[in-house]
């Protein structure tokens, strides 16, 4: 039996505003960086942008009287909760197995669930995206990422010129 949800734009705008406020507050506890672009800078910029877009969406929906509503079926709900479960498992695994293995496993599971047919292509994409993110955060942004308790991978990753772990 499908469930109909109305005012979805207004609900999503309010939820995004709450998320943005939460990220902004939590990022205040991040350590100070070498300059203005410390670890808290990018999450705060993104949260302010999300809040601005959420306010624009909320303003548009309050100005336009048309109400959007969607029917949610059982199959759609199962898909949403499966993806939510993947994200929760990823977040819980990060401190234990570290950023690199957790992200590779998360991306492989997400691609498999999404229907990517080629396993070699999925592995190449998962490893490539993970390493690009890893080096972007570690080298360029100088933001530490969780290292695994069981399998530390930093000694196995190639060093970048001018970078010391």
N, C-alpha and C. Protein backbone atom coordinates (compact mmCIF):
# COMPACT_ATOMS: atom_id res chain seq x y z
N UNK A 1 0.84 -1.17 0.00
CA UNK A 1 0.00 0.00 0.00
C UNK A 1 0.89 1.24 0.00
N UNK A 2 0.84 2.04 -1.07
CA UNK A 2 1.67 3.24 -1.15
C UNK A 2 1.23 4.32 -0.15
N UNK A 3 2.21 5.09 0.28
CA UNK A 3 1.97 6.20 1.19
C UNK A 3 2.21 7.49 0.41
N UNK A 4 1.31 8.45 0.55
CA UNK A 4 1.48 9.72 -0.13
C UNK A 4 2.03 10.75 0.85
N UNK A 5 3.11 11.42 0.42
CA UNK A 5 3.75 12.44 1.24
C UNK A 5 3.61 13.78 0.52
N UNK A 6 3.05 14.75 1.20
CA UNK A 6 2.87 16.08 0.62
C UNK A 6 3.89 17.07 1.17
N UNK A 7 3.99 18.21 0.53
CA UNK A 7 4.88 19.30 0.93
C UNK A 7 6.34 18.84 1.00
N UNK A 8 6.75 18.01 0.06
CA UNK A 8 8.09 17.44 0.11
C UNK A 8 9.18 18.49 -0.03
N UNK A 9 8.96 19.52 -0.84
CA UNK A 9 9.97 20.57 -1.00
C UNK A 9 10.17 21.33 0.30
N UNK A 10 9.09 21.62 0.99
CA UNK A 10 9.20 22.34 2.26
C UNK A 10 9.88 21.48 3.32
N UNK A 11 9.50 20.22 3.37
CA UNK A 11 10.10 19.30 4.35
C UNK A 11 11.59 19.15 4.09
N UNK A 12 11.96 18.93 2.83
CA UNK A 12 13.38 18.74 2.51
C UNK A 12 14.18 20.02 2.76
N UNK A 13 13.58 21.18 2.52
CA UNK A 13 14.28 22.45 2.80
C UNK A 13 14.57 22.60 4.28
N UNK A 14 13.60 22.30 5.11
CA UNK A 14 13.79 22.42 6.55
C UNK A 14 14.83 21.41 7.03
N UNK A 15 14.77 20.18 6.52
CA UNK A 15 15.76 19.17 6.90
C UNK A 15 17.17 19.57 6.47
N UNK A 16 17.31 20.13 5.27
CA UNK A 16 18.62 20.58 4.82
C UNK A 16 19.13 21.76 5.64
N UNK A 17 18.24 22.65 6.05
CA UNK A 17 18.65 23.76 6.92
C UNK A 17 19.15 23.22 8.27
N UNK A 18 18.45 22.24 8.81
CA UNK A 18 18.87 21.65 10.08
C UNK A 18 20.22 20.94 9.93
N UNK A 19 20.40 20.21 8.83
CA UNK A 19 21.67 19.55 8.57
C UNK A 19 22.80 20.57 8.44
N UNK A 20 22.55 21.63 7.72
CA UNK A 20 23.57 22.67 7.53
C UNK A 20 23.96 23.32 8.86
N UNK A 21 22.96 23.60 9.68
CA UNK A 21 23.25 24.18 10.99
C UNK A 21 24.06 23.21 11.84
N UNK A 22 23.70 21.94 11.79
CA UNK A 22 24.44 20.93 12.55
C UNK A 22 25.89 20.82 12.11
N UNK A 23 26.12 20.79 10.80
CA UNK A 23 27.49 20.70 10.28
C UNK A 23 28.27 21.95 10.67
N UNK A 24 27.65 23.10 10.59
CA UNK A 24 28.33 24.35 10.94
C UNK A 24 28.74 24.35 12.40
N UNK A 25 27.86 23.90 13.29
CA UNK A 25 28.16 23.88 14.72
C UNK A 25 29.23 22.84 15.03
N UNK A 26 29.09 21.64 14.49
CA UNK A 26 30.04 20.56 14.79
C UNK A 26 31.43 20.90 14.24
N UNK A 27 31.50 21.54 13.08
CA UNK A 27 32.81 21.86 12.50
C UNK A 27 33.54 22.93 13.30
N UNK A 28 32.87 23.60 14.21
CA UNK A 28 33.53 24.57 15.07
C UNK A 28 34.53 23.93 16.01
N UNK A 29 34.39 22.64 16.28
CA UNK A 29 35.30 21.92 17.16
C UNK A 29 36.51 21.35 16.42
N UNK A 30 36.57 21.53 15.12
CA UNK A 30 37.70 21.00 14.35
C UNK A 30 38.96 21.77 14.73
N UNK A 31 40.13 21.13 14.66
CA UNK A 31 41.37 21.82 15.02
C UNK A 31 41.69 22.95 14.04
N UNK A 32 42.44 23.92 14.52
CA UNK A 32 42.84 25.04 13.66
C UNK A 32 43.88 24.57 12.66
N UNK A 33 43.77 25.06 11.45
CA UNK A 33 44.71 24.69 10.40
C UNK A 33 45.81 25.71 10.27
N UNK A 34 46.66 25.55 9.25
CA UNK A 34 47.78 26.48 9.08
C UNK A 34 47.36 27.87 8.61
N UNK A 35 46.13 28.02 8.19
CA UNK A 35 45.66 29.33 7.72
C UNK A 35 44.15 29.38 7.81
N UNK A 36 43.55 30.20 6.95
CA UNK A 36 42.09 30.32 6.97
C UNK A 36 41.41 29.04 6.47
N UNK A 37 42.12 28.27 5.66
CA UNK A 37 41.52 27.05 5.11
C UNK A 37 41.89 25.83 5.93
N UNK A 38 41.58 25.87 7.20
CA UNK A 38 41.81 24.72 8.07
C UNK A 38 40.73 23.67 7.84
N UNK A 39 40.72 22.63 8.66
CA UNK A 39 39.77 21.54 8.48
C UNK A 39 38.30 21.96 8.56
N UNK A 40 37.98 23.05 9.24
CA UNK A 40 36.59 23.48 9.37
C UNK A 40 36.12 24.34 8.20
N UNK A 41 37.05 24.85 7.41
CA UNK A 41 36.69 25.80 6.36
C UNK A 41 35.75 25.20 5.31
N UNK A 42 36.13 24.07 4.72
CA UNK A 42 35.34 23.51 3.63
C UNK A 42 33.98 22.98 4.09
N UNK A 43 33.88 22.27 5.22
CA UNK A 43 32.54 21.88 5.66
C UNK A 43 31.63 23.07 5.92
N UNK A 44 32.21 24.16 6.44
CA UNK A 44 31.39 25.35 6.70
C UNK A 44 30.96 26.04 5.42
N UNK A 45 31.83 26.11 4.44
CA UNK A 45 31.46 26.71 3.15
C UNK A 45 30.35 25.89 2.51
N UNK A 46 30.50 24.57 2.51
CA UNK A 46 29.49 23.72 1.90
C UNK A 46 28.17 23.81 2.66
N UNK A 47 28.24 23.87 3.99
CA UNK A 47 26.99 23.96 4.76
C UNK A 47 26.29 25.29 4.53
N UNK A 48 27.04 26.36 4.37
CA UNK A 48 26.42 27.66 4.07
C UNK A 48 25.78 27.64 2.68
N UNK A 49 26.45 27.03 1.71
CA UNK A 49 25.87 26.92 0.37
C UNK A 49 24.60 26.06 0.37
N UNK A 50 24.63 24.95 1.09
CA UNK A 50 23.44 24.10 1.18
C UNK A 50 22.30 24.87 1.84
N UNK A 51 22.60 25.62 2.89
CA UNK A 51 21.58 26.42 3.58
C UNK A 51 21.00 27.49 2.65
N UNK A 52 21.85 28.13 1.85
CA UNK A 52 21.38 29.16 0.92
C UNK A 52 20.43 28.55 -0.12
N UNK A 53 20.81 27.42 -0.67
CA UNK A 53 19.95 26.77 -1.66
C UNK A 53 18.65 26.26 -1.02
N UNK A 54 18.74 25.77 0.21
CA UNK A 54 17.53 25.32 0.90
C UNK A 54 16.59 26.48 1.17
N UNK A 55 17.14 27.64 1.55
CA UNK A 55 16.31 28.82 1.76
C UNK A 55 15.67 29.28 0.45
N UNK A 56 16.43 29.21 -0.65
CA UNK A 56 15.87 29.59 -1.95
C UNK A 56 14.73 28.64 -2.33
N UNK A 57 14.92 27.35 -2.11
CA UNK A 57 13.87 26.38 -2.42
C UNK A 57 12.65 26.61 -1.53
N UNK A 58 12.88 26.86 -0.25
CA UNK A 58 11.76 27.10 0.67
C UNK A 58 11.02 28.37 0.28
N UNK A 59 11.75 29.42 -0.06
CA UNK A 59 11.11 30.66 -0.48
C UNK A 59 10.28 30.48 -1.74
N UNK A 60 10.81 29.73 -2.69
CA UNK A 60 10.07 29.47 -3.92
C UNK A 60 8.79 28.70 -3.63
N UNK A 61 8.86 27.70 -2.79
CA UNK A 61 7.67 26.89 -2.47
C UNK A 61 6.66 27.66 -1.64
N UNK A 62 7.10 28.59 -0.82
CA UNK A 62 6.15 29.40 -0.06
C UNK A 62 5.49 30.43 -0.97
N UNK A 63 6.23 30.88 -1.99
CA UNK A 63 5.69 31.85 -2.92
C UNK A 63 4.72 31.19 -3.90
N UNK A 64 5.05 30.02 -4.40
CA UNK A 64 4.19 29.27 -5.32
C UNK A 64 3.28 28.38 -4.48
N UNK A 65 2.00 28.47 -4.70
CA UNK A 65 1.06 27.77 -3.84
C UNK A 65 0.87 26.30 -4.19
N UNK A 66 1.46 25.85 -5.30
CA UNK A 66 1.29 24.46 -5.71
C UNK A 66 2.02 23.53 -4.73
N UNK A 67 1.34 22.50 -4.28
CA UNK A 67 1.91 21.55 -3.33
C UNK A 67 2.37 20.31 -4.09
N UNK A 68 3.62 19.94 -3.89
CA UNK A 68 4.14 18.71 -4.49
C UNK A 68 3.94 17.57 -3.53
N UNK A 69 3.51 16.45 -4.08
CA UNK A 69 3.39 15.26 -3.25
C UNK A 69 3.83 14.06 -4.07
N UNK A 70 4.33 13.06 -3.37
CA UNK A 70 4.84 11.87 -4.02
C UNK A 70 4.27 10.64 -3.34
N UNK A 71 4.12 9.58 -4.12
CA UNK A 71 3.70 8.30 -3.59
C UNK A 71 4.93 7.46 -3.33
N UNK A 72 5.04 6.94 -2.12
CA UNK A 72 6.17 6.10 -1.75
C UNK A 72 5.67 4.66 -1.66
N UNK A 73 6.22 3.80 -2.51
CA UNK A 73 5.85 2.39 -2.49
C UNK A 73 6.81 1.61 -1.59
N UNK A 74 6.44 0.38 -1.32
CA UNK A 74 7.27 -0.48 -0.48
C UNK A 74 8.65 -0.69 -1.11
N UNK A 75 8.72 -0.88 -2.42
CA UNK A 75 9.98 -1.11 -3.11
C UNK A 75 10.91 0.09 -2.99
N UNK A 76 10.36 1.28 -3.14
CA UNK A 76 11.16 2.50 -3.02
C UNK A 76 11.68 2.65 -1.59
N UNK A 77 10.84 2.37 -0.62
CA UNK A 77 11.26 2.47 0.78
C UNK A 77 12.39 1.49 1.08
N UNK A 78 12.31 0.28 0.54
CA UNK A 78 13.37 -0.71 0.74
C UNK A 78 14.68 -0.22 0.13
N UNK A 79 14.61 0.37 -1.07
CA UNK A 79 15.82 0.89 -1.71
C UNK A 79 16.44 2.02 -0.90
N UNK A 80 15.62 2.91 -0.39
CA UNK A 80 16.13 4.04 0.40
C UNK A 80 16.79 3.53 1.68
N UNK A 81 16.16 2.59 2.37
CA UNK A 81 16.73 2.08 3.61
C UNK A 81 17.98 1.24 3.36
N UNK A 82 18.07 0.58 2.22
CA UNK A 82 19.28 -0.18 1.88
C UNK A 82 20.46 0.77 1.70
N UNK A 83 20.25 1.85 0.97
CA UNK A 83 21.32 2.83 0.77
C UNK A 83 21.67 3.50 2.10
N UNK A 84 20.67 3.82 2.90
CA UNK A 84 20.92 4.38 4.23
C UNK A 84 21.75 3.42 5.07
N UNK A 85 21.43 2.12 5.00
CA UNK A 85 22.19 1.11 5.74
C UNK A 85 23.63 1.04 5.27
N UNK A 86 23.87 1.17 3.96
CA UNK A 86 25.24 1.18 3.44
C UNK A 86 26.03 2.37 4.00
N UNK A 87 25.41 3.52 4.03
CA UNK A 87 26.08 4.72 4.54
C UNK A 87 26.39 4.58 6.03
N UNK A 88 25.44 4.07 6.80
CA UNK A 88 25.65 3.87 8.24
C UNK A 88 26.78 2.87 8.47
N UNK A 89 26.79 1.77 7.71
CA UNK A 89 27.86 0.78 7.84
C UNK A 89 29.21 1.39 7.50
N UNK A 90 29.26 2.23 6.49
CA UNK A 90 30.51 2.91 6.10
C UNK A 90 31.02 3.81 7.22
N UNK A 91 30.12 4.61 7.78
CA UNK A 91 30.53 5.52 8.85
C UNK A 91 31.01 4.75 10.07
N UNK A 92 30.33 3.66 10.40
CA UNK A 92 30.73 2.86 11.56
C UNK A 92 32.05 2.11 11.30
N UNK A 93 32.34 1.77 10.06
CA UNK A 93 33.56 1.03 9.73
C UNK A 93 34.79 1.92 9.65
N UNK A 94 34.61 3.21 9.38
CA UNK A 94 35.76 4.11 9.19
C UNK A 94 36.78 4.05 10.32
N UNK A 95 36.39 4.19 11.59
CA UNK A 95 37.42 4.19 12.64
C UNK A 95 38.12 2.84 12.80
N UNK A 96 37.47 1.76 12.41
CA UNK A 96 38.04 0.43 12.63
C UNK A 96 38.92 -0.05 11.49
N UNK A 97 38.48 0.15 10.26
CA UNK A 97 39.29 -0.36 9.15
C UNK A 97 39.95 0.75 8.35
N UNK A 98 39.66 2.00 8.65
CA UNK A 98 40.33 3.11 8.01
C UNK A 98 39.63 3.60 6.75
N UNK A 99 40.08 4.78 6.30
CA UNK A 99 39.44 5.44 5.18
C UNK A 99 39.57 4.65 3.88
N UNK A 100 40.76 4.21 3.56
CA UNK A 100 40.99 3.59 2.25
C UNK A 100 40.21 2.28 2.10
N UNK A 101 40.37 1.29 2.99
CA UNK A 101 39.60 0.06 2.78
C UNK A 101 38.09 0.26 2.91
N UNK A 102 37.65 1.12 3.86
CA UNK A 102 36.21 1.34 4.05
C UNK A 102 35.60 2.01 2.83
N UNK A 103 36.31 2.97 2.25
CA UNK A 103 35.78 3.68 1.09
C UNK A 103 35.74 2.77 -0.14
N UNK A 104 36.77 1.97 -0.33
CA UNK A 104 36.76 1.04 -1.45
C UNK A 104 35.60 0.06 -1.30
N UNK A 105 35.43 -0.50 -0.10
CA UNK A 105 34.34 -1.45 0.13
C UNK A 105 32.97 -0.78 -0.05
N UNK A 106 32.83 0.44 0.45
CA UNK A 106 31.56 1.17 0.31
C UNK A 106 31.24 1.43 -1.16
N UNK A 107 32.22 1.90 -1.91
CA UNK A 107 31.98 2.19 -3.32
C UNK A 107 31.67 0.92 -4.11
N UNK A 108 32.38 -0.16 -3.81
CA UNK A 108 32.08 -1.43 -4.50
C UNK A 108 30.66 -1.90 -4.18
N UNK A 109 30.26 -1.82 -2.90
CA UNK A 109 28.91 -2.25 -2.52
C UNK A 109 27.85 -1.35 -3.17
N UNK A 110 28.10 -0.05 -3.18
CA UNK A 110 27.14 0.88 -3.78
C UNK A 110 27.02 0.66 -5.28
N UNK A 111 28.15 0.42 -5.94
CA UNK A 111 28.10 0.17 -7.38
C UNK A 111 27.41 -1.16 -7.68
N UNK A 112 27.68 -2.19 -6.89
CA UNK A 112 27.02 -3.47 -7.08
C UNK A 112 25.51 -3.31 -6.89
N UNK A 113 25.11 -2.59 -5.85
CA UNK A 113 23.69 -2.39 -5.57
C UNK A 113 23.03 -1.57 -6.69
N UNK A 114 23.80 -0.66 -7.29
CA UNK A 114 23.26 0.17 -8.37
C UNK A 114 23.21 -0.53 -9.71
N UNK A 115 23.81 -1.72 -9.78
CA UNK A 115 23.71 -2.50 -11.00
C UNK A 115 24.89 -2.40 -11.94
N UNK A 116 26.06 -1.97 -11.46
CA UNK A 116 27.25 -1.94 -12.32
C UNK A 116 27.62 -3.38 -12.63
N UNK A 117 27.69 -3.72 -13.90
CA UNK A 117 27.86 -5.10 -14.31
C UNK A 117 29.30 -5.58 -14.35
N UNK A 118 30.24 -4.70 -14.59
CA UNK A 118 31.62 -5.10 -14.78
C UNK A 118 32.40 -4.96 -13.47
N UNK A 119 32.78 -6.10 -12.88
CA UNK A 119 33.54 -6.07 -11.63
C UNK A 119 34.90 -5.42 -11.80
N UNK A 120 35.67 -5.72 -12.86
CA UNK A 120 36.96 -5.04 -13.01
C UNK A 120 36.82 -3.52 -13.12
N UNK A 121 35.82 -3.06 -13.84
CA UNK A 121 35.60 -1.61 -13.96
C UNK A 121 35.23 -1.02 -12.61
N UNK A 122 34.38 -1.71 -11.84
CA UNK A 122 33.99 -1.23 -10.53
C UNK A 122 35.19 -1.14 -9.59
N UNK A 123 36.07 -2.13 -9.64
CA UNK A 123 37.26 -2.12 -8.78
C UNK A 123 38.18 -0.96 -9.16
N UNK A 124 38.40 -0.75 -10.45
CA UNK A 124 39.25 0.35 -10.90
C UNK A 124 38.67 1.69 -10.47
N UNK A 125 37.38 1.87 -10.64
CA UNK A 125 36.74 3.14 -10.25
C UNK A 125 36.82 3.33 -8.74
N UNK A 126 36.51 2.29 -7.97
CA UNK A 126 36.52 2.40 -6.50
C UNK A 126 37.91 2.73 -5.99
N UNK A 127 38.93 2.04 -6.49
CA UNK A 127 40.30 2.30 -6.04
C UNK A 127 40.76 3.68 -6.50
N UNK A 128 40.46 4.04 -7.74
CA UNK A 128 40.87 5.35 -8.27
C UNK A 128 40.24 6.51 -7.52
N UNK A 129 38.94 6.44 -7.30
CA UNK A 129 38.25 7.51 -6.58
C UNK A 129 38.76 7.60 -5.14
N UNK A 130 38.95 6.45 -4.50
CA UNK A 130 39.43 6.44 -3.12
C UNK A 130 40.81 7.06 -3.01
N UNK A 131 41.73 6.68 -3.90
CA UNK A 131 43.07 7.25 -3.85
C UNK A 131 43.08 8.74 -4.18
N UNK A 132 42.25 9.15 -5.13
CA UNK A 132 42.15 10.58 -5.45
C UNK A 132 41.66 11.36 -4.24
N UNK A 133 40.64 10.85 -3.56
CA UNK A 133 40.14 11.52 -2.35
C UNK A 133 41.19 11.51 -1.25
N UNK A 134 41.85 10.37 -1.07
CA UNK A 134 42.85 10.24 -0.02
C UNK A 134 43.96 11.28 -0.19
N UNK A 135 44.54 11.34 -1.39
CA UNK A 135 45.64 12.28 -1.61
C UNK A 135 45.16 13.72 -1.62
N UNK A 136 43.93 13.97 -2.05
CA UNK A 136 43.40 15.33 -1.99
C UNK A 136 43.31 15.81 -0.55
N UNK A 137 42.77 14.97 0.32
CA UNK A 137 42.62 15.39 1.71
C UNK A 137 43.96 15.40 2.46
N UNK A 138 44.79 14.39 2.25
CA UNK A 138 46.05 14.29 3.00
C UNK A 138 47.08 15.30 2.51
N UNK A 139 47.29 15.39 1.20
CA UNK A 139 48.36 16.22 0.65
C UNK A 139 47.91 17.66 0.43
N UNK A 140 46.82 17.85 -0.28
CA UNK A 140 46.39 19.19 -0.66
C UNK A 140 45.73 19.94 0.50
N UNK A 141 44.75 19.32 1.14
CA UNK A 141 44.02 19.98 2.21
C UNK A 141 44.65 19.78 3.58
N UNK A 142 45.56 18.83 3.71
CA UNK A 142 46.24 18.52 4.97
C UNK A 142 45.25 18.20 6.09
N UNK A 143 44.25 17.40 5.73
CA UNK A 143 43.25 16.96 6.69
C UNK A 143 43.50 15.48 6.96
N UNK A 144 43.71 15.11 8.21
CA UNK A 144 43.95 13.69 8.49
C UNK A 144 42.69 12.85 8.28
N UNK A 145 42.90 11.65 7.78
CA UNK A 145 41.80 10.71 7.58
C UNK A 145 42.00 9.52 8.51
N UNK A 146 40.92 8.83 8.86
CA UNK A 146 41.05 7.71 9.79
C UNK A 146 41.96 6.61 9.24
N UNK A 147 42.89 6.19 10.07
CA UNK A 147 43.77 5.07 9.74
C UNK A 147 43.22 3.84 10.45
N UNK A 148 43.20 2.74 9.79
CA UNK A 148 42.61 1.54 10.35
C UNK A 148 43.33 1.00 11.56
N UNK A 149 42.58 0.45 12.49
CA UNK A 149 43.15 -0.18 13.68
C UNK A 149 43.77 -1.52 13.30
N UNK A 150 43.11 -2.25 12.41
CA UNK A 150 43.54 -3.61 12.06
C UNK A 150 44.55 -3.65 10.92
N UNK A 151 44.31 -2.85 9.88
CA UNK A 151 45.18 -2.88 8.70
C UNK A 151 45.58 -1.45 8.34
N UNK A 152 46.73 -0.98 8.82
CA UNK A 152 47.18 0.36 8.42
C UNK A 152 47.67 0.32 6.96
N UNK A 153 47.14 1.19 6.13
CA UNK A 153 47.49 1.16 4.70
C UNK A 153 48.49 2.24 4.31
N UNK A 154 48.72 3.21 5.17
CA UNK A 154 49.62 4.31 4.82
C UNK A 154 51.01 3.82 4.40
N UNK A 155 51.60 2.81 5.07
CA UNK A 155 52.94 2.35 4.63
C UNK A 155 52.94 1.75 3.22
N UNK A 156 51.80 1.30 2.74
CA UNK A 156 51.74 0.66 1.42
C UNK A 156 51.41 1.64 0.29
N UNK A 157 51.03 2.87 0.63
CA UNK A 157 50.66 3.84 -0.41
C UNK A 157 51.90 4.60 -0.86
N UNK A 158 52.00 4.90 -2.16
CA UNK A 158 53.17 5.63 -2.64
C UNK A 158 53.22 7.04 -2.06
N UNK A 159 54.43 7.49 -1.81
CA UNK A 159 54.63 8.82 -1.25
C UNK A 159 54.53 9.86 -2.38
N UNK A 160 54.15 11.05 -2.00
CA UNK A 160 54.06 12.15 -2.96
C UNK A 160 55.20 13.11 -2.66
N UNK A 161 55.79 13.69 -3.71
CA UNK A 161 56.93 14.59 -3.54
C UNK A 161 56.56 15.75 -2.62
N UNK A 162 57.38 15.98 -1.63
CA UNK A 162 57.15 17.09 -0.70
C UNK A 162 56.17 16.76 0.39
N UNK A 163 55.78 15.50 0.52
CA UNK A 163 54.78 15.13 1.53
C UNK A 163 55.40 14.12 2.48
N UNK A 164 55.24 14.39 3.75
CA UNK A 164 55.69 13.41 4.74
C UNK A 164 54.51 13.08 5.63
N UNK A 165 54.26 11.80 5.86
CA UNK A 165 53.10 11.41 6.66
C UNK A 165 53.22 11.82 8.11
